[in-house]
Amino acid sequence: MITLGIIGLSIVLSLFCFSNKEGFDKLTLVPEKMARDNRQMYRFISHAFIHGDSAHLIFNVLTLYFFGREVENGILSPVEYIVFYLLAIVFASLPSYQQNKNNPNYRAVGASGAISAVMFVLVLFSPWSVIYIKFIIPVYFIIFACGYLAYSYYQSKNSDSNIAHDVHLWGGLFGIAYMFIFHPYSLRTFLDQIINAPFM
């Protein structure tokens, strides 16, 4: 239910902002404005509930729908899941905030950082699950996750696009670190599943 609530709020706010530039501007992550005015720190959270366009929105809500329900229903309690999700939003955005406090042109929206954190929680418990890239190509979850981290790291260093690849990277690392610190059994669970791979 929490995942559906997050998805619902994201859809409502995103659709509202698609046709309301003033609302979009007020909710976007803008480090330069936040650094000058502490009252705008709410942007750390608000930016994750709006999206740049319909394709961005659809991709994020579908990803959260498939991964979030699994984490919510079997790994984290509803209250902890909410806290985890909000912390992931902030933590994933901190590096971008620090790097762009003096850049008035930097803007960021979307829930990619938090969704990346949710995804990596699930990786710890189901590394050998099979997911389908573009609904066609089967790949083990752990292989996809490692490739995703490597790609995000490379792109954050080399890409000139407006996509915040570093948010994906830091969100994933936050998800792993959170579980190892607050749920240390997750490390043993992960290692046991890696050792006992289904094809071994």
N, C-alpha and C. Protein backbone atom coordinates (compact mmCIF):
# COMPACT_ATOMS: atom_id res chain seq x y z
N MET A 1 0.82 -1.21 0.00
CA MET A 1 0.00 0.00 0.00
C MET A 1 0.86 1.27 0.00
N ILE A 2 2.00 1.24 0.70
CA ILE A 2 2.87 2.41 0.74
C ILE A 2 3.40 2.71 -0.65
N THR A 3 3.82 1.67 -1.35
CA THR A 3 4.33 1.85 -2.71
C THR A 3 3.27 2.48 -3.61
N LEU A 4 2.06 1.98 -3.52
CA LEU A 4 0.97 2.53 -4.33
C LEU A 4 0.68 3.98 -3.95
N GLY A 5 0.81 4.29 -2.67
CA GLY A 5 0.61 5.67 -2.23
C GLY A 5 1.67 6.60 -2.81
N ILE A 6 2.93 6.15 -2.79
CA ILE A 6 4.02 6.95 -3.36
C ILE A 6 3.79 7.15 -4.86
N ILE A 7 3.41 6.06 -5.53
CA ILE A 7 3.15 6.14 -6.96
C ILE A 7 2.00 7.10 -7.25
N GLY A 8 0.93 7.00 -6.47
CA GLY A 8 -0.22 7.87 -6.66
C GLY A 8 0.13 9.33 -6.49
N LEU A 9 0.89 9.65 -5.42
CA LEU A 9 1.30 11.03 -5.17
C LEU A 9 2.20 11.54 -6.29
N SER A 10 3.10 10.67 -6.76
CA SER A 10 4.01 11.05 -7.84
C SER A 10 3.25 11.36 -9.12
N ILE A 11 2.25 10.54 -9.42
CA ILE A 11 1.46 10.76 -10.63
C ILE A 11 0.68 12.06 -10.54
N VAL A 12 0.01 12.29 -9.41
CA VAL A 12 -0.81 13.50 -9.24
C VAL A 12 0.05 14.75 -9.33
N LEU A 13 1.17 14.79 -8.58
CA LEU A 13 2.02 15.98 -8.59
C LEU A 13 2.69 16.19 -9.95
N SER A 14 3.12 15.09 -10.58
CA SER A 14 3.78 15.21 -11.88
C SER A 14 2.82 15.74 -12.93
N LEU A 15 1.61 15.19 -12.96
CA LEU A 15 0.62 15.66 -13.93
C LEU A 15 0.28 17.12 -13.70
N PHE A 16 0.18 17.50 -12.43
CA PHE A 16 -0.09 18.91 -12.10
C PHE A 16 1.03 19.80 -12.62
N CYS A 17 2.27 19.36 -12.41
CA CYS A 17 3.41 20.20 -12.80
C CYS A 17 3.65 20.22 -14.30
N PHE A 18 3.17 19.21 -15.01
CA PHE A 18 3.32 19.22 -16.47
C PHE A 18 2.66 20.46 -17.08
N SER A 19 1.59 20.91 -16.44
CA SER A 19 0.86 22.06 -16.98
C SER A 19 0.95 23.29 -16.08
N ASN A 20 1.85 23.22 -15.10
CA ASN A 20 1.98 24.34 -14.17
C ASN A 20 3.46 24.61 -13.93
N LYS A 21 4.04 25.51 -14.73
CA LYS A 21 5.47 25.76 -14.64
C LYS A 21 5.87 26.33 -13.28
N GLU A 22 5.00 27.18 -12.71
CA GLU A 22 5.33 27.76 -11.41
C GLU A 22 5.41 26.68 -10.34
N GLY A 23 4.45 25.74 -10.36
CA GLY A 23 4.48 24.65 -9.41
C GLY A 23 5.70 23.77 -9.61
N PHE A 24 6.03 23.50 -10.86
CA PHE A 24 7.21 22.70 -11.18
C PHE A 24 8.47 23.35 -10.62
N ASP A 25 8.61 24.64 -10.85
CA ASP A 25 9.79 25.38 -10.39
C ASP A 25 9.91 25.38 -8.87
N LYS A 26 8.78 25.41 -8.17
CA LYS A 26 8.81 25.46 -6.71
C LYS A 26 9.20 24.11 -6.07
N LEU A 27 8.98 23.02 -6.81
CA LEU A 27 9.24 21.69 -6.26
C LEU A 27 10.56 21.08 -6.73
N THR A 28 11.17 21.66 -7.75
CA THR A 28 12.41 21.15 -8.33
C THR A 28 13.59 21.31 -7.38
N LEU A 29 14.54 20.39 -7.47
CA LEU A 29 15.79 20.51 -6.70
C LEU A 29 16.67 21.56 -7.38
N VAL A 30 16.89 22.68 -6.67
CA VAL A 30 17.74 23.77 -7.19
C VAL A 30 18.73 24.12 -6.08
N PRO A 31 19.91 23.48 -6.06
CA PRO A 31 20.86 23.69 -4.96
C PRO A 31 21.23 25.14 -4.70
N GLU A 32 21.35 25.93 -5.74
CA GLU A 32 21.75 27.32 -5.56
C GLU A 32 20.72 28.09 -4.73
N LYS A 33 19.44 27.86 -4.99
CA LYS A 33 18.39 28.52 -4.22
C LYS A 33 18.34 27.98 -2.79
N MET A 34 18.53 26.70 -2.65
CA MET A 34 18.48 26.07 -1.33
C MET A 34 19.62 26.56 -0.45
N ALA A 35 20.80 26.73 -1.03
CA ALA A 35 21.96 27.19 -0.26
C ALA A 35 21.77 28.62 0.22
N ARG A 36 21.03 29.42 -0.55
CA ARG A 36 20.80 30.82 -0.17
C ARG A 36 19.64 30.99 0.81
N ASP A 37 18.72 30.01 0.81
CA ASP A 37 17.51 30.15 1.62
C ASP A 37 17.16 28.80 2.24
N ASN A 38 17.42 28.66 3.53
CA ASN A 38 17.17 27.38 4.21
C ASN A 38 15.71 26.96 4.19
N ARG A 39 14.81 27.90 3.96
CA ARG A 39 13.39 27.56 3.91
C ARG A 39 13.05 26.73 2.68
N GLN A 40 13.98 26.63 1.75
CA GLN A 40 13.73 25.87 0.54
C GLN A 40 14.33 24.47 0.57
N MET A 41 14.77 24.05 1.75
CA MET A 41 15.34 22.71 1.87
C MET A 41 14.31 21.61 1.62
N TYR A 42 13.03 21.96 1.64
CA TYR A 42 11.99 20.98 1.34
C TYR A 42 12.17 20.40 -0.06
N ARG A 43 12.92 21.11 -0.91
CA ARG A 43 13.15 20.64 -2.27
C ARG A 43 13.91 19.31 -2.29
N PHE A 44 14.64 19.01 -1.22
CA PHE A 44 15.33 17.73 -1.13
C PHE A 44 14.34 16.57 -1.29
N ILE A 45 13.12 16.77 -0.76
CA ILE A 45 12.09 15.73 -0.84
C ILE A 45 11.16 15.95 -2.02
N SER A 46 10.72 17.17 -2.21
CA SER A 46 9.67 17.44 -3.20
C SER A 46 10.08 17.07 -4.62
N HIS A 47 11.35 17.23 -4.96
CA HIS A 47 11.78 16.98 -6.34
C HIS A 47 11.59 15.53 -6.77
N ALA A 48 11.53 14.62 -5.79
CA ALA A 48 11.42 13.20 -6.11
C ALA A 48 9.98 12.78 -6.44
N PHE A 49 9.04 13.69 -6.28
CA PHE A 49 7.65 13.35 -6.57
C PHE A 49 7.14 14.02 -7.84
N ILE A 50 8.04 14.68 -8.57
CA ILE A 50 7.67 15.24 -9.87
C ILE A 50 8.67 14.74 -10.91
N HIS A 51 8.27 14.79 -12.18
CA HIS A 51 9.10 14.24 -13.25
C HIS A 51 9.12 15.18 -14.45
N GLY A 52 10.16 14.99 -15.27
CA GLY A 52 10.36 15.91 -16.38
C GLY A 52 9.36 15.75 -17.51
N ASP A 53 8.93 14.52 -17.75
CA ASP A 53 7.96 14.27 -18.81
C ASP A 53 7.25 12.95 -18.53
N SER A 54 6.31 12.60 -19.40
CA SER A 54 5.51 11.40 -19.17
C SER A 54 6.34 10.12 -19.24
N ALA A 55 7.33 10.07 -20.14
CA ALA A 55 8.17 8.87 -20.25
C ALA A 55 8.96 8.66 -18.97
N HIS A 56 9.52 9.74 -18.43
CA HIS A 56 10.26 9.70 -17.17
C HIS A 56 9.37 9.20 -16.04
N LEU A 57 8.17 9.72 -15.98
CA LEU A 57 7.21 9.33 -14.95
C LEU A 57 6.83 7.85 -15.07
N ILE A 58 6.49 7.42 -16.27
CA ILE A 58 6.05 6.03 -16.47
C ILE A 58 7.16 5.05 -16.11
N PHE A 59 8.38 5.32 -16.56
CA PHE A 59 9.50 4.42 -16.26
C PHE A 59 9.71 4.29 -14.75
N ASN A 60 9.70 5.43 -14.04
CA ASN A 60 9.96 5.39 -12.60
C ASN A 60 8.84 4.71 -11.82
N VAL A 61 7.59 4.99 -12.16
CA VAL A 61 6.50 4.39 -11.38
C VAL A 61 6.40 2.88 -11.66
N LEU A 62 6.69 2.46 -12.87
CA LEU A 62 6.68 1.02 -13.17
C LEU A 62 7.79 0.31 -12.42
N THR A 63 8.97 0.91 -12.42
CA THR A 63 10.11 0.31 -11.70
C THR A 63 9.81 0.21 -10.21
N LEU A 64 9.29 1.29 -9.64
CA LEU A 64 8.96 1.28 -8.21
C LEU A 64 7.85 0.28 -7.92
N TYR A 65 6.90 0.16 -8.81
CA TYR A 65 5.79 -0.78 -8.61
C TYR A 65 6.31 -2.22 -8.48
N PHE A 66 7.19 -2.62 -9.36
CA PHE A 66 7.69 -4.00 -9.34
C PHE A 66 8.64 -4.27 -8.18
N PHE A 67 9.51 -3.33 -7.88
CA PHE A 67 10.50 -3.55 -6.83
C PHE A 67 9.98 -3.15 -5.44
N GLY A 68 9.26 -2.04 -5.37
CA GLY A 68 8.81 -1.52 -4.09
C GLY A 68 7.88 -2.44 -3.34
N ARG A 69 6.97 -3.09 -4.05
CA ARG A 69 6.02 -3.98 -3.39
C ARG A 69 6.72 -5.14 -2.71
N GLU A 70 7.78 -5.65 -3.34
CA GLU A 70 8.52 -6.77 -2.76
C GLU A 70 9.23 -6.36 -1.47
N VAL A 71 9.82 -5.17 -1.49
CA VAL A 71 10.53 -4.68 -0.30
C VAL A 71 9.54 -4.37 0.82
N GLU A 72 8.44 -3.76 0.46
CA GLU A 72 7.43 -3.37 1.45
C GLU A 72 6.76 -4.58 2.09
N ASN A 73 6.51 -5.60 1.31
CA ASN A 73 5.74 -6.74 1.81
C ASN A 73 6.56 -7.81 2.51
N GLY A 74 7.88 -7.82 2.31
CA GLY A 74 8.63 -8.91 2.91
C GLY A 74 9.93 -8.55 3.59
N ILE A 75 10.36 -7.29 3.48
CA ILE A 75 11.68 -6.95 4.00
C ILE A 75 11.63 -5.83 5.05
N LEU A 76 10.98 -4.73 4.73
CA LEU A 76 10.87 -3.60 5.65
C LEU A 76 9.42 -3.40 6.08
N SER A 77 9.22 -2.98 7.32
CA SER A 77 7.87 -2.67 7.78
C SER A 77 7.39 -1.41 7.08
N PRO A 78 6.06 -1.17 7.06
CA PRO A 78 5.55 0.02 6.39
C PRO A 78 6.18 1.33 6.88
N VAL A 79 6.31 1.48 8.20
CA VAL A 79 6.88 2.72 8.73
C VAL A 79 8.34 2.85 8.33
N GLU A 80 9.10 1.76 8.47
CA GLU A 80 10.52 1.82 8.11
C GLU A 80 10.70 2.05 6.61
N TYR A 81 9.81 1.48 5.84
CA TYR A 81 9.87 1.65 4.39
C TYR A 81 9.71 3.13 4.01
N ILE A 82 8.79 3.82 4.66
CA ILE A 82 8.59 5.25 4.40
C ILE A 82 9.85 6.03 4.78
N VAL A 83 10.38 5.75 5.98
CA VAL A 83 11.58 6.44 6.45
C VAL A 83 12.75 6.16 5.51
N PHE A 84 12.90 4.90 5.14
CA PHE A 84 13.98 4.51 4.23
C PHE A 84 13.87 5.24 2.90
N TYR A 85 12.68 5.30 2.35
CA TYR A 85 12.47 5.93 1.05
C TYR A 85 12.81 7.42 1.09
N LEU A 86 12.37 8.10 2.14
CA LEU A 86 12.64 9.53 2.26
C LEU A 86 14.13 9.80 2.48
N LEU A 87 14.76 8.98 3.31
CA LEU A 87 16.21 9.12 3.52
C LEU A 87 16.98 8.88 2.23
N ALA A 88 16.53 7.91 1.45
CA ALA A 88 17.20 7.61 0.19
C ALA A 88 17.12 8.79 -0.77
N ILE A 89 15.97 9.46 -0.79
CA ILE A 89 15.82 10.64 -1.65
C ILE A 89 16.88 11.68 -1.30
N VAL A 90 16.99 11.97 -0.01
CA VAL A 90 17.92 13.01 0.44
C VAL A 90 19.36 12.59 0.21
N PHE A 91 19.71 11.37 0.65
CA PHE A 91 21.10 10.93 0.55
C PHE A 91 21.57 10.89 -0.90
N ALA A 92 20.72 10.39 -1.80
CA ALA A 92 21.10 10.29 -3.20
C ALA A 92 21.32 11.65 -3.84
N SER A 93 20.67 12.68 -3.28
CA SER A 93 20.75 14.03 -3.85
C SER A 93 21.86 14.87 -3.25
N LEU A 94 22.40 14.46 -2.12
CA LEU A 94 23.40 15.28 -1.44
C LEU A 94 24.64 15.60 -2.27
N PRO A 95 25.22 14.62 -2.97
CA PRO A 95 26.40 14.96 -3.79
C PRO A 95 26.10 16.01 -4.85
N SER A 96 24.95 15.89 -5.52
CA SER A 96 24.58 16.88 -6.53
C SER A 96 24.37 18.25 -5.90
N TYR A 97 23.77 18.25 -4.71
CA TYR A 97 23.55 19.51 -3.99
C TYR A 97 24.89 20.17 -3.67
N GLN A 98 25.83 19.41 -3.13
CA GLN A 98 27.13 19.96 -2.76
C GLN A 98 27.90 20.49 -3.97
N GLN A 99 27.79 19.77 -5.08
CA GLN A 99 28.54 20.15 -6.27
C GLN A 99 27.94 21.34 -7.01
N ASN A 100 26.67 21.63 -6.76
CA ASN A 100 25.99 22.65 -7.57
C ASN A 100 25.41 23.80 -6.75
N LYS A 101 25.90 24.00 -5.55
CA LYS A 101 25.38 25.08 -4.72
C LYS A 101 25.63 26.46 -5.33
N ASN A 102 26.60 26.56 -6.20
CA ASN A 102 26.91 27.84 -6.83
C ASN A 102 26.55 27.85 -8.32
N ASN A 103 25.73 26.88 -8.71
CA ASN A 103 25.33 26.75 -10.11
C ASN A 103 23.84 27.04 -10.25
N PRO A 104 23.48 28.26 -10.65
CA PRO A 104 22.05 28.62 -10.73
C PRO A 104 21.31 27.90 -11.85
N ASN A 105 22.04 27.23 -12.73
CA ASN A 105 21.40 26.56 -13.87
C ASN A 105 21.08 25.09 -13.60
N TYR A 106 21.55 24.55 -12.47
CA TYR A 106 21.31 23.13 -12.20
C TYR A 106 19.88 22.91 -11.71
N ARG A 107 19.23 21.93 -12.30
CA ARG A 107 17.88 21.52 -11.91
C ARG A 107 17.83 20.00 -11.90
N ALA A 108 17.03 19.44 -10.99
CA ALA A 108 16.87 17.98 -10.97
C ALA A 108 15.48 17.63 -10.46
N VAL A 109 14.86 16.64 -11.09
CA VAL A 109 13.57 16.11 -10.64
C VAL A 109 13.59 14.60 -10.82
N GLY A 110 12.69 13.92 -10.13
CA GLY A 110 12.54 12.48 -10.31
C GLY A 110 12.96 11.67 -9.10
N ALA A 111 12.44 10.45 -9.05
CA ALA A 111 12.63 9.57 -7.89
C ALA A 111 13.71 8.52 -8.12
N SER A 112 14.55 8.70 -9.13
CA SER A 112 15.51 7.66 -9.50
C SER A 112 16.42 7.24 -8.36
N GLY A 113 16.86 8.19 -7.55
CA GLY A 113 17.76 7.85 -6.45
C GLY A 113 17.11 6.93 -5.44
N ALA A 114 15.90 7.26 -5.02
CA ALA A 114 15.18 6.43 -4.05
C ALA A 114 14.82 5.08 -4.65
N ILE A 115 14.42 5.06 -5.91
CA ILE A 115 14.07 3.80 -6.56
C ILE A 115 15.28 2.91 -6.69
N SER A 116 16.44 3.50 -6.97
CA SER A 116 17.68 2.74 -7.01
C SER A 116 17.98 2.10 -5.66
N ALA A 117 17.73 2.85 -4.58
CA ALA A 117 17.94 2.31 -3.23
C ALA A 117 17.02 1.13 -2.97
N VAL A 118 15.75 1.27 -3.35
CA VAL A 118 14.79 0.18 -3.18
C VAL A 118 15.22 -1.05 -3.98
N MET A 119 15.68 -0.83 -5.19
CA MET A 119 16.10 -1.93 -6.05
C MET A 119 17.25 -2.71 -5.43
N PHE A 120 18.20 -2.00 -4.84
CA PHE A 120 19.37 -2.69 -4.29
C PHE A 120 19.06 -3.39 -2.97
N VAL A 121 18.04 -2.96 -2.26
CA VAL A 121 17.59 -3.74 -1.10
C VAL A 121 17.12 -5.10 -1.58
N LEU A 122 16.36 -5.11 -2.64
CA LEU A 122 15.82 -6.36 -3.16
C LEU A 122 16.93 -7.24 -3.73
N VAL A 123 17.96 -6.63 -4.29
CA VAL A 123 19.09 -7.41 -4.81
C VAL A 123 19.71 -8.26 -3.70
N LEU A 124 19.79 -7.70 -2.49
CA LEU A 124 20.40 -8.43 -1.38
C LEU A 124 19.63 -9.70 -1.03
N PHE A 125 18.34 -9.71 -1.29
CA PHE A 125 17.51 -10.84 -0.90
C PHE A 125 17.13 -11.75 -2.07
N SER A 126 17.24 -11.24 -3.28
CA SER A 126 16.88 -12.06 -4.45
C SER A 126 17.86 -11.84 -5.59
N PRO A 127 19.16 -12.07 -5.33
CA PRO A 127 20.16 -11.76 -6.36
C PRO A 127 20.02 -12.58 -7.63
N TRP A 128 19.46 -13.79 -7.51
CA TRP A 128 19.39 -14.65 -8.69
C TRP A 128 18.01 -14.65 -9.34
N SER A 129 17.17 -13.73 -8.92
CA SER A 129 15.91 -13.58 -9.63
C SER A 129 16.20 -13.11 -11.05
N VAL A 130 15.34 -13.47 -11.95
CA VAL A 130 15.52 -13.07 -13.35
C VAL A 130 14.61 -11.89 -13.66
N ILE A 131 15.19 -10.84 -14.21
CA ILE A 131 14.40 -9.71 -14.68
C ILE A 131 14.59 -9.62 -16.19
N TYR A 132 13.69 -8.90 -16.82
CA TYR A 132 13.73 -8.82 -18.28
C TYR A 132 13.95 -7.38 -18.72
N ILE A 133 15.13 -7.13 -19.28
CA ILE A 133 15.45 -5.80 -19.78
C ILE A 133 14.60 -5.52 -21.01
N LYS A 134 13.92 -4.39 -20.98
CA LYS A 134 12.98 -4.02 -22.04
C LYS A 134 11.93 -5.10 -22.27
N PHE A 135 11.63 -5.86 -21.16
CA PHE A 135 10.60 -6.91 -21.17
C PHE A 135 10.94 -8.06 -22.12
N ILE A 136 12.20 -8.13 -22.56
CA ILE A 136 12.57 -9.16 -23.54
C ILE A 136 13.80 -9.96 -23.11
N ILE A 137 14.86 -9.25 -22.72
CA ILE A 137 16.15 -9.90 -22.47
C ILE A 137 16.25 -10.35 -21.01
N PRO A 138 16.34 -11.67 -20.74
CA PRO A 138 16.45 -12.15 -19.37
C PRO A 138 17.87 -11.98 -18.82
N VAL A 139 17.96 -11.54 -17.58
CA VAL A 139 19.27 -11.38 -16.95
C VAL A 139 19.09 -11.53 -15.44
N TYR A 140 20.09 -12.14 -14.79
CA TYR A 140 20.03 -12.26 -13.33
C TYR A 140 20.08 -10.87 -12.70
N PHE A 141 19.31 -10.70 -11.64
CA PHE A 141 19.19 -9.41 -10.97
C PHE A 141 20.56 -8.89 -10.52
N ILE A 142 21.40 -9.75 -9.94
CA ILE A 142 22.70 -9.32 -9.42
C ILE A 142 23.60 -8.83 -10.55
N ILE A 143 23.51 -9.46 -11.70
CA ILE A 143 24.33 -9.04 -12.84
C ILE A 143 23.84 -7.68 -13.36
N PHE A 144 22.53 -7.55 -13.44
CA PHE A 144 21.96 -6.28 -13.87
C PHE A 144 22.36 -5.17 -12.90
N ALA A 145 22.29 -5.45 -11.59
CA ALA A 145 22.59 -4.43 -10.57
C ALA A 145 24.04 -3.98 -10.64
N CYS A 146 24.95 -4.93 -10.78
CA CYS A 146 26.38 -4.57 -10.88
C CYS A 146 26.65 -3.77 -12.14
N GLY A 147 26.03 -4.17 -13.24
CA GLY A 147 26.18 -3.42 -14.47
C GLY A 147 25.60 -2.02 -14.36
N TYR A 148 24.49 -1.94 -13.65
CA TYR A 148 23.82 -0.65 -13.45
C TYR A 148 24.70 0.30 -12.65
N LEU A 149 25.33 -0.21 -11.58
CA LEU A 149 26.24 0.62 -10.79
C LEU A 149 27.44 1.06 -11.60
N ALA A 150 28.03 0.13 -12.34
CA ALA A 150 29.21 0.45 -13.14
C ALA A 150 28.86 1.49 -14.21
N TYR A 151 27.72 1.30 -14.85
CA TYR A 151 27.29 2.24 -15.89
C TYR A 151 27.03 3.62 -15.30
N SER A 152 26.36 3.67 -14.14
CA SER A 152 26.06 4.95 -13.50
C SER A 152 27.34 5.67 -13.10
N TYR A 153 28.31 4.92 -12.59
CA TYR A 153 29.59 5.53 -12.20
C TYR A 153 30.30 6.10 -13.43
N TYR A 154 30.35 5.31 -14.48
CA TYR A 154 31.04 5.75 -15.70
C TYR A 154 30.36 6.99 -16.28
N GLN A 155 29.05 6.94 -16.37
CA GLN A 155 28.32 8.05 -16.97
C GLN A 155 28.41 9.32 -16.12
N SER A 156 28.46 9.14 -14.79
CA SER A 156 28.56 10.32 -13.92
C SER A 156 29.89 11.04 -14.12
N LYS A 157 30.90 10.31 -14.59
CA LYS A 157 32.22 10.90 -14.81
C LYS A 157 32.41 11.40 -16.24
N ASN A 158 31.66 10.83 -17.17
CA ASN A 158 31.95 11.10 -18.57
C ASN A 158 30.81 11.68 -19.40
N SER A 159 29.60 11.65 -18.87
CA SER A 159 28.46 12.08 -19.67
C SER A 159 28.24 13.59 -19.59
N ASP A 160 27.82 14.16 -20.73
CA ASP A 160 27.48 15.57 -20.78
C ASP A 160 25.97 15.79 -20.78
N SER A 161 25.21 14.71 -20.58
CA SER A 161 23.75 14.82 -20.64
C SER A 161 23.21 15.42 -19.35
N ASN A 162 21.90 15.69 -19.33
CA ASN A 162 21.26 16.26 -18.14
C ASN A 162 20.77 15.19 -17.17
N ILE A 163 21.03 13.93 -17.48
CA ILE A 163 20.61 12.84 -16.61
C ILE A 163 21.56 12.76 -15.41
N ALA A 164 20.99 12.74 -14.20
CA ALA A 164 21.80 12.73 -12.97
C ALA A 164 22.20 11.29 -12.64
N HIS A 165 23.20 10.78 -13.35
CA HIS A 165 23.62 9.39 -13.14
C HIS A 165 24.19 9.18 -11.74
N ASP A 166 24.78 10.23 -11.16
CA ASP A 166 25.33 10.09 -9.83
C ASP A 166 24.24 9.82 -8.80
N VAL A 167 23.02 10.28 -9.05
CA VAL A 167 21.90 10.01 -8.15
C VAL A 167 21.58 8.52 -8.13
N HIS A 168 21.63 7.87 -9.29
CA HIS A 168 21.41 6.42 -9.36
C HIS A 168 22.47 5.69 -8.54
N LEU A 169 23.71 6.12 -8.70
CA LEU A 169 24.83 5.48 -8.00
C LEU A 169 24.70 5.62 -6.49
N TRP A 170 24.50 6.85 -6.03
CA TRP A 170 24.43 7.08 -4.59
C TRP A 170 23.17 6.48 -3.96
N GLY A 171 22.09 6.45 -4.71
CA GLY A 171 20.89 5.80 -4.21
C GLY A 171 21.11 4.31 -3.99
N GLY A 172 21.73 3.65 -4.98
CA GLY A 172 22.02 2.22 -4.83
C GLY A 172 22.94 1.93 -3.67
N LEU A 173 23.99 2.74 -3.52
CA LEU A 173 24.93 2.55 -2.41
C LEU A 173 24.25 2.80 -1.06
N PHE A 174 23.35 3.77 -1.02
CA PHE A 174 22.61 4.02 0.22
C PHE A 174 21.78 2.80 0.60
N GLY A 175 21.07 2.22 -0.37
CA GLY A 175 20.25 1.05 -0.08
C GLY A 175 21.05 -0.10 0.52
N ILE A 176 22.22 -0.35 -0.05
CA ILE A 176 23.09 -1.42 0.45
C ILE A 176 23.59 -1.09 1.85
N ALA A 177 24.11 0.13 2.03
CA ALA A 177 24.67 0.53 3.32
C ALA A 177 23.61 0.52 4.41
N TYR A 178 22.42 0.99 4.11
CA TYR A 178 21.34 1.03 5.10
C TYR A 178 21.05 -0.38 5.61
N MET A 179 20.93 -1.32 4.70
CA MET A 179 20.60 -2.69 5.11
C MET A 179 21.72 -3.32 5.91
N PHE A 180 22.96 -3.11 5.51
CA PHE A 180 24.09 -3.70 6.24
C PHE A 180 24.20 -3.12 7.65
N ILE A 181 23.86 -1.83 7.81
CA ILE A 181 23.97 -1.18 9.12
C ILE A 181 22.79 -1.53 10.03
N PHE A 182 21.58 -1.40 9.52
CA PHE A 182 20.39 -1.56 10.35
C PHE A 182 19.78 -2.97 10.30
N HIS A 183 20.17 -3.74 9.30
CA HIS A 183 19.72 -5.12 9.19
C HIS A 183 20.90 -5.99 8.78
N PRO A 184 21.88 -6.15 9.69
CA PRO A 184 23.13 -6.84 9.33
C PRO A 184 22.93 -8.28 8.84
N TYR A 185 21.79 -8.90 9.20
CA TYR A 185 21.53 -10.25 8.70
C TYR A 185 21.42 -10.27 7.18
N SER A 186 21.15 -9.11 6.59
CA SER A 186 21.01 -9.05 5.13
C SER A 186 22.31 -9.40 4.43
N LEU A 187 23.44 -9.10 5.06
CA LEU A 187 24.73 -9.45 4.46
C LEU A 187 24.89 -10.96 4.39
N ARG A 188 24.56 -11.65 5.48
CA ARG A 188 24.67 -13.12 5.48
C ARG A 188 23.67 -13.72 4.50
N THR A 189 22.47 -13.17 4.46
CA THR A 189 21.48 -13.66 3.51
C THR A 189 21.98 -13.53 2.08
N PHE A 190 22.58 -12.38 1.79
CA PHE A 190 23.10 -12.14 0.45
C PHE A 190 24.23 -13.11 0.12
N LEU A 191 25.19 -13.26 1.04
CA LEU A 191 26.32 -14.14 0.80
C LEU A 191 25.89 -15.60 0.65
N ASP A 192 24.92 -16.02 1.47
CA ASP A 192 24.41 -17.39 1.36
C ASP A 192 23.80 -17.64 -0.02
N GLN A 193 23.08 -16.65 -0.52
CA GLN A 193 22.44 -16.83 -1.83
C GLN A 193 23.47 -16.79 -2.95
N ILE A 194 24.50 -15.98 -2.79
CA ILE A 194 25.55 -15.94 -3.80
C ILE A 194 26.29 -17.27 -3.85
N ILE A 195 26.61 -17.81 -2.67
CA ILE A 195 27.33 -19.09 -2.60
C ILE A 195 26.49 -20.23 -3.14
N ASN A 196 25.19 -20.18 -2.82
CA ASN A 196 24.29 -21.25 -3.26
C ASN A 196 23.52 -20.85 -4.51
N ALA A 197 24.24 -20.37 -5.49
CA ALA A 197 23.61 -19.96 -6.74
C ALA A 197 22.89 -21.15 -7.38
N PRO A 198 21.76 -20.94 -8.01
CA PRO A 198 20.95 -22.03 -8.56
C PRO A 198 21.65 -22.84 -9.64
N PHE A 199 22.70 -22.29 -10.25
CA PHE A 199 23.39 -23.01 -11.31
C PHE A 199 24.69 -23.67 -10.83
N MET A 200 24.96 -23.57 -9.50
CA MET A 200 26.17 -24.18 -8.95
C MET A 200 25.97 -25.68 -8.71
